[in-house]
Amino acid sequence: MNRILFLVLILITIVSCKTEKKEVPTTVEPEVIENADLRKYPKAGPYSSQMNIIYDQGYLFDEKIQLDEISVENIGENLYDVVLYFNESTDFDLLEKYKVSFILYPKNPDELTIEKDRKAKQKKAGTKAEIKMLDNSHVVVINSIQVKPKEFNKIKIHLYGNSTGTLNDNFLILRDIIFN
């Protein structure tokens, strides 16, 4: 009997000395989204889904500033908003340091409503590059350009700073454009 008791004790000791594998709780790391633009920009618009697209070829003003598209929206009699869509890879902090210049050269400059514009044979408009959101796109809006002729031989667009001048001497030139 002592022998059986002794074997039982040894068996219990062996079983109790066995190392138990404890499950280590796994930690879930939060997903890191790189290059996400965490700033909140105000909404632009509202604009119709039928805006007149006047340019959609993409354009690099700089290696960090890329334009995708330009649209115009008729907001009143001879009154237009110009919406410039910028690519997601654009450095928006850098873009906001500039102003956007928009120079229109009408086919018939005598139709321009302001005498100074008629003499210069062009209509200038511009704005500080304030980023806004239109749907899921980053845009800059040139608000309320008063233009009577709606057909243009040429439109020149560039970014500039007061102290630095035109960014990279880089002008986007559009030809034969009609505002609807």
C-alpha atoms as a PDB file:
ATOM      1  CA  MET A   1       0.000   0.000   0.000  1.00  0.00           C
ATOM      2  CA  ASN A   2       2.894   2.310   0.768  1.00  0.00           C
ATOM      3  CA  ARG A   3       4.181   1.631  -2.640  1.00  0.00           C
ATOM      4  CA  ILE A   4       0.886   2.595  -4.291  1.00  0.00           C
ATOM      5  CA  LEU A   5       0.635   5.693  -2.179  1.00  0.00           C
ATOM      6  CA  PHE A   6       4.191   6.581  -3.095  1.00  0.00           C
ATOM      7  CA  LEU A   7       3.458   6.143  -6.836  1.00  0.00           C
ATOM      8  CA  VAL A   8       0.316   8.256  -6.585  1.00  0.00           C
ATOM      9  CA  LEU A   9       2.293  11.049  -4.887  1.00  0.00           C
ATOM     10  CA  ILE A  10       4.953  10.936  -7.569  1.00  0.00           C
ATOM     11  CA  LEU A  11       2.309  10.982 -10.279  1.00  0.00           C
ATOM     12  CA  ILE A  12       0.577  13.978  -8.677  1.00  0.00           C
ATOM     13  CA  THR A  13       3.908  15.808  -8.369  1.00  0.00           C
ATOM     14  CA  ILE A  14       4.782  15.189 -12.012  1.00  0.00           C
ATOM     15  CA  VAL A  15       1.375  16.368 -13.206  1.00  0.00           C
ATOM     16  CA  SER A  16       1.425  19.469 -11.005  1.00  0.00           C
ATOM     17  CA  CYS A  17       4.991  20.396 -12.056  1.00  0.00           C
ATOM     18  CA  LYS A  18       4.086  20.385 -15.708  1.00  0.00           C
ATOM     19  CA  THR A  19       4.263  23.937 -17.054  1.00  0.00           C
ATOM     20  CA  GLU A  20       1.035  25.303 -18.261  1.00  0.00           C
ATOM     21  CA  LYS A  21       0.998  27.442 -21.336  1.00  0.00           C
ATOM     22  CA  LYS A  22      -0.851  30.576 -20.611  1.00  0.00           C
ATOM     23  CA  GLU A  23      -2.471  32.389 -23.475  1.00  0.00           C
ATOM     24  CA  VAL A  24      -0.979  35.807 -23.832  1.00  0.00           C
ATOM     25  CA  PRO A  25      -3.662  38.308 -24.784  1.00  0.00           C
ATOM     26  CA  THR A  26      -2.906  39.824 -28.163  1.00  0.00           C
ATOM     27  CA  THR A  27      -3.006  43.553 -28.460  1.00  0.00           C
ATOM     28  CA  VAL A  28      -4.516  45.114 -31.535  1.00  0.00           C
ATOM     29  CA  GLU A  29      -2.499  48.058 -32.783  1.00  0.00           C
ATOM     30  CA  PRO A  30      -4.572  50.939 -34.129  1.00  0.00           C
ATOM     31  CA  GLU A  31      -4.370  51.364 -37.885  1.00  0.00           C
ATOM     32  CA  VAL A  32      -2.004  54.148 -38.848  1.00  0.00           C
ATOM     33  CA  ILE A  33      -3.067  56.178 -41.841  1.00  0.00           C
ATOM     34  CA  GLU A  34      -0.080  57.883 -43.370  1.00  0.00           C
ATOM     35  CA  ASN A  35      -0.246  61.157 -45.279  1.00  0.00           C
ATOM     36  CA  ALA A  36      -3.790  61.760 -44.145  1.00  0.00           C
ATOM     37  CA  ASP A  37      -4.839  65.375 -44.213  1.00  0.00           C
ATOM     38  CA  LEU A  38      -6.139  65.790 -40.699  1.00  0.00           C
ATOM     39  CA  ARG A  39      -7.031  69.466 -41.045  1.00  0.00           C
ATOM     40  CA  LYS A  40     -10.643  70.372 -41.418  1.00  0.00           C
ATOM     41  CA  TYR A  41     -11.412  72.702 -44.308  1.00  0.00           C
ATOM     42  CA  PRO A  42     -14.686  74.588 -44.767  1.00  0.00           C
ATOM     43  CA  LYS A  43     -17.145  73.426 -47.385  1.00  0.00           C
ATOM     44  CA  ALA A  44     -17.363  75.216 -50.741  1.00  0.00           C
ATOM     45  CA  GLY A  45     -20.560  75.809 -52.576  1.00  0.00           C
ATOM     46  CA  PRO A  46     -23.211  74.658 -52.921  1.00  0.00           C
ATOM     47  CA  TYR A  47     -22.595  74.066 -56.612  1.00  0.00           C
ATOM     48  CA  SER A  48     -24.585  72.102 -59.143  1.00  0.00           C
ATOM     49  CA  SER A  49     -23.330  68.782 -60.420  1.00  0.00           C
ATOM     50  CA  GLN A  50     -23.477  70.264 -63.937  1.00  0.00           C
ATOM     51  CA  MET A  51     -20.638  72.775 -63.575  1.00  0.00           C
ATOM     52  CA  ASN A  52     -18.906  73.757 -66.816  1.00  0.00           C
ATOM     53  CA  ILE A  53     -15.508  72.008 -66.857  1.00  0.00           C
ATOM     54  CA  ILE A  54     -13.091  74.243 -68.759  1.00  0.00           C
ATOM     55  CA  TYR A  55      -9.904  72.267 -68.054  1.00  0.00           C
ATOM     56  CA  ASP A  56      -9.259  68.666 -66.961  1.00  0.00           C
ATOM     57  CA  GLN A  57      -5.717  67.785 -68.086  1.00  0.00           C
ATOM     58  CA  GLY A  58      -3.846  68.239 -64.779  1.00  0.00           C
ATOM     59  CA  TYR A  59      -1.031  70.751 -64.316  1.00  0.00           C
ATOM     60  CA  LEU A  60       2.041  71.020 -62.086  1.00  0.00           C
ATOM     61  CA  PHE A  61       2.614  74.516 -60.747  1.00  0.00           C
ATOM     62  CA  ASP A  62       5.370  73.003 -58.609  1.00  0.00           C
ATOM     63  CA  GLU A  63       6.434  69.476 -57.635  1.00  0.00           C
ATOM     64  CA  LYS A  64       4.266  69.914 -54.521  1.00  0.00           C
ATOM     65  CA  ILE A  65       1.255  71.666 -56.087  1.00  0.00           C
ATOM     66  CA  GLN A  66      -0.780  69.862 -58.735  1.00  0.00           C
ATOM     67  CA  LEU A  67      -3.999  71.120 -60.293  1.00  0.00           C
ATOM     68  CA  ASP A  68      -6.439  68.484 -61.588  1.00  0.00           C
ATOM     69  CA  GLU A  69      -9.360  70.419 -63.043  1.00  0.00           C
ATOM     70  CA  ILE A  70     -11.014  73.828 -63.392  1.00  0.00           C
ATOM     71  CA  SER A  71     -14.779  74.367 -63.501  1.00  0.00           C
ATOM     72  CA  VAL A  72     -16.989  77.442 -63.664  1.00  0.00           C
ATOM     73  CA  GLU A  73     -20.457  77.910 -62.217  1.00  0.00           C
ATOM     74  CA  ASN A  74     -22.854  80.619 -63.374  1.00  0.00           C
ATOM     75  CA  ILE A  75     -24.154  82.185 -60.154  1.00  0.00           C
ATOM     76  CA  GLY A  76     -25.998  85.138 -61.684  1.00  0.00           C
ATOM     77  CA  GLU A  77     -26.243  87.329 -64.752  1.00  0.00           C
ATOM     78  CA  ASN A  78     -22.652  87.611 -66.061  1.00  0.00           C
ATOM     79  CA  LEU A  79     -21.390  86.416 -62.670  1.00  0.00           C
ATOM     80  CA  TYR A  80     -19.260  83.280 -62.244  1.00  0.00           C
ATOM     81  CA  ASP A  81     -17.414  81.321 -59.563  1.00  0.00           C
ATOM     82  CA  VAL A  82     -14.252  79.559 -60.757  1.00  0.00           C
ATOM     83  CA  VAL A  83     -13.434  76.317 -58.916  1.00  0.00           C
ATOM     84  CA  LEU A  84      -9.884  74.955 -59.088  1.00  0.00           C
ATOM     85  CA  TYR A  85      -9.562  71.294 -58.023  1.00  0.00           C
ATOM     86  CA  PHE A  86      -6.192  70.265 -56.585  1.00  0.00           C
ATOM     87  CA  ASN A  87      -4.726  66.770 -56.477  1.00  0.00           C
ATOM     88  CA  GLU A  88      -4.595  64.934 -53.126  1.00  0.00           C
ATOM     89  CA  SER A  89      -0.786  64.825 -53.314  1.00  0.00           C
ATOM     90  CA  THR A  90      -0.658  68.640 -53.144  1.00  0.00           C
ATOM     91  CA  ASP A  91       1.022  70.254 -50.142  1.00  0.00           C
ATOM     92  CA  PHE A  92      -1.985  72.313 -49.026  1.00  0.00           C
ATOM     93  CA  ASP A  93      -0.029  74.228 -46.383  1.00  0.00           C
ATOM     94  CA  LEU A  94       2.327  75.417 -49.127  1.00  0.00           C
ATOM     95  CA  LEU A  95      -0.540  76.202 -51.507  1.00  0.00           C
ATOM     96  CA  GLU A  96      -2.212  78.427 -48.897  1.00  0.00           C
ATOM     97  CA  LYS A  97       0.861  80.674 -48.890  1.00  0.00           C
ATOM     98  CA  TYR A  98       0.038  81.786 -52.454  1.00  0.00           C
ATOM     99  CA  LYS A  99      -2.615  83.709 -54.335  1.00  0.00           C
ATOM    100  CA  VAL A 100      -4.287  82.523 -57.528  1.00  0.00           C
ATOM    101  CA  SER A 101      -4.288  84.880 -60.518  1.00  0.00           C
ATOM    102  CA  PHE A 102      -6.865  84.397 -63.262  1.00  0.00           C
ATOM    103  CA  ILE A 103      -6.491  86.652 -66.344  1.00  0.00           C
ATOM    104  CA  LEU A 104      -9.156  86.463 -69.055  1.00  0.00           C
ATOM    105  CA  TYR A 105      -8.546  87.689 -72.620  1.00  0.00           C
ATOM    106  CA  PRO A 106     -11.981  87.924 -74.293  1.00  0.00           C
ATOM    107  CA  LYS A 107     -12.513  87.423 -78.019  1.00  0.00           C
ATOM    108  CA  ASN A 108     -14.320  90.768 -78.039  1.00  0.00           C
ATOM    109  CA  PRO A 109     -12.679  93.027 -75.400  1.00  0.00           C
ATOM    110  CA  ASP A 110     -15.055  95.888 -76.300  1.00  0.00           C
ATOM    111  CA  GLU A 111     -17.798  93.973 -74.446  1.00  0.00           C
ATOM    112  CA  LEU A 112     -15.955  94.228 -71.116  1.00  0.00           C
ATOM    113  CA  THR A 113     -18.045  96.300 -68.719  1.00  0.00           C
ATOM    114  CA  ILE A 114     -15.248  98.233 -66.973  1.00  0.00           C
ATOM    115  CA  GLU A 115     -13.366 100.912 -68.953  1.00  0.00           C
ATOM    116  CA  LYS A 116      -9.999  99.978 -67.398  1.00  0.00           C
ATOM    117  CA  ASP A 117     -10.497  96.354 -68.522  1.00  0.00           C
ATOM    118  CA  ARG A 118     -11.491  97.440 -72.053  1.00  0.00           C
ATOM    119  CA  LYS A 119      -8.303  99.510 -72.366  1.00  0.00           C
ATOM    120  CA  ALA A 120      -6.165  96.610 -71.084  1.00  0.00           C
ATOM    121  CA  LYS A 121      -8.188  94.147 -73.234  1.00  0.00           C
ATOM    122  CA  GLN A 122      -8.288  91.747 -70.311  1.00  0.00           C
ATOM    123  CA  LYS A 123     -10.156  91.005 -67.121  1.00  0.00           C
ATOM    124  CA  LYS A 124      -8.122  90.146 -64.014  1.00  0.00           C
ATOM    125  CA  ALA A 125      -9.420  88.213 -61.050  1.00  0.00           C
ATOM    126  CA  GLY A 126      -7.705  86.501 -58.182  1.00  0.00           C
ATOM    127  CA  THR A 127      -7.904  85.358 -54.627  1.00  0.00           C
ATOM    128  CA  LYS A 128      -5.836  84.089 -51.755  1.00  0.00           C
ATOM    129  CA  ALA A 129      -5.541  80.313 -52.069  1.00  0.00           C
ATOM    130  CA  GLU A 130      -7.903  79.270 -49.268  1.00  0.00           C
ATOM    131  CA  ILE A 131      -8.521  75.539 -49.334  1.00  0.00           C
ATOM    132  CA  LYS A 132     -12.123  74.375 -49.143  1.00  0.00           C
ATOM    133  CA  MET A 133     -13.804  71.023 -49.599  1.00  0.00           C
ATOM    134  CA  LEU A 134     -16.233  70.288 -52.412  1.00  0.00           C
ATOM    135  CA  ASP A 135     -17.523  66.745 -52.070  1.00  0.00           C
ATOM    136  CA  ASN A 136     -14.258  64.879 -51.401  1.00  0.00           C
ATOM    137  CA  SER A 137     -12.015  67.275 -53.312  1.00  0.00           C
ATOM    138  CA  HIS A 138      -9.728  70.062 -52.137  1.00  0.00           C
ATOM    139  CA  VAL A 139     -10.573  73.231 -54.049  1.00  0.00           C
ATOM    140  CA  VAL A 140      -9.789  76.927 -54.268  1.00  0.00           C
ATOM    141  CA  VAL A 141     -12.697  79.140 -55.352  1.00  0.00           C
ATOM    142  CA  ILE A 142     -12.406  82.476 -57.105  1.00  0.00           C
ATOM    143  CA  ASN A 143     -15.734  84.016 -56.140  1.00  0.00           C
ATOM    144  CA  SER A 144     -18.007  86.223 -58.209  1.00  0.00           C
ATOM    145  CA  ILE A 145     -16.080  87.167 -61.343  1.00  0.00           C
ATOM    146  CA  GLN A 146     -18.176  89.710 -63.250  1.00  0.00           C
ATOM    147  CA  VAL A 147     -17.676  88.970 -66.956  1.00  0.00           C
ATOM    148  CA  LYS A 148     -19.943  89.968 -69.811  1.00  0.00           C
ATOM    149  CA  PRO A 149     -18.221  88.341 -72.781  1.00  0.00           C
ATOM    150  CA  LYS A 150     -18.310  84.612 -72.292  1.00  0.00           C
ATOM    151  CA  GLU A 151     -15.864  83.619 -75.047  1.00  0.00           C
ATOM    152  CA  PHE A 152     -12.142  83.918 -74.457  1.00  0.00           C
ATOM    153  CA  ASN A 153      -9.118  83.588 -76.733  1.00  0.00           C
ATOM    154  CA  LYS A 154      -6.932  82.845 -73.752  1.00  0.00           C
ATOM    155  CA  ILE A 155      -7.006  82.484 -69.972  1.00  0.00           C
ATOM    156  CA  LYS A 156      -3.753  82.644 -67.969  1.00  0.00           C
ATOM    157  CA  ILE A 157      -3.609  81.134 -64.490  1.00  0.00           C
ATOM    158  CA  HIS A 158      -0.690  81.233 -62.080  1.00  0.00           C
ATOM    159  CA  LEU A 159       0.187  81.177 -58.393  1.00  0.00           C
ATOM    160  CA  TYR A 160       2.102  84.070 -56.884  1.00  0.00           C
ATOM    161  CA  GLY A 161       3.339  85.469 -53.617  1.00  0.00           C
ATOM    162  CA  ASN A 162       3.565  89.166 -52.817  1.00  0.00           C
ATOM    163  CA  SER A 163       7.289  88.979 -52.140  1.00  0.00           C
ATOM    164  CA  THR A 164       8.236  86.025 -54.357  1.00  0.00           C
ATOM    165  CA  GLY A 165       6.305  86.761 -57.553  1.00  0.00           C
ATOM    166  CA  THR A 166       4.987  84.002 -59.810  1.00  0.00           C
ATOM    167  CA  LEU A 167       5.694  80.489 -58.541  1.00  0.00           C
ATOM    168  CA  ASN A 168       8.447  79.077 -60.790  1.00  0.00           C
ATOM    169  CA  ASP A 169       7.427  81.530 -63.570  1.00  0.00           C
ATOM    170  CA  ASN A 170       4.863  78.855 -64.333  1.00  0.00           C
ATOM    171  CA  PHE A 171       1.651  79.894 -66.150  1.00  0.00           C
ATOM    172  CA  LEU A 172      -1.173  77.588 -67.195  1.00  0.00           C
ATOM    173  CA  ILE A 173      -2.611  78.918 -70.470  1.00  0.00           C
ATOM    174  CA  LEU A 174      -6.041  77.825 -71.696  1.00  0.00           C
ATOM    175  CA  ARG A 175      -7.190  78.624 -75.232  1.00  0.00           C
ATOM    176  CA  ASP A 176     -10.633  79.112 -76.786  1.00  0.00           C
ATOM    177  CA  ILE A 177     -12.706  78.851 -73.646  1.00  0.00           C
ATOM    178  CA  ILE A 178     -16.452  79.495 -73.332  1.00  0.00           C
ATOM    179  CA  PHE A 179     -18.253  80.135 -70.029  1.00  0.00           C
ATOM    180  CA  ASN A 180     -21.777  78.704 -70.091  1.00  0.00           C
END
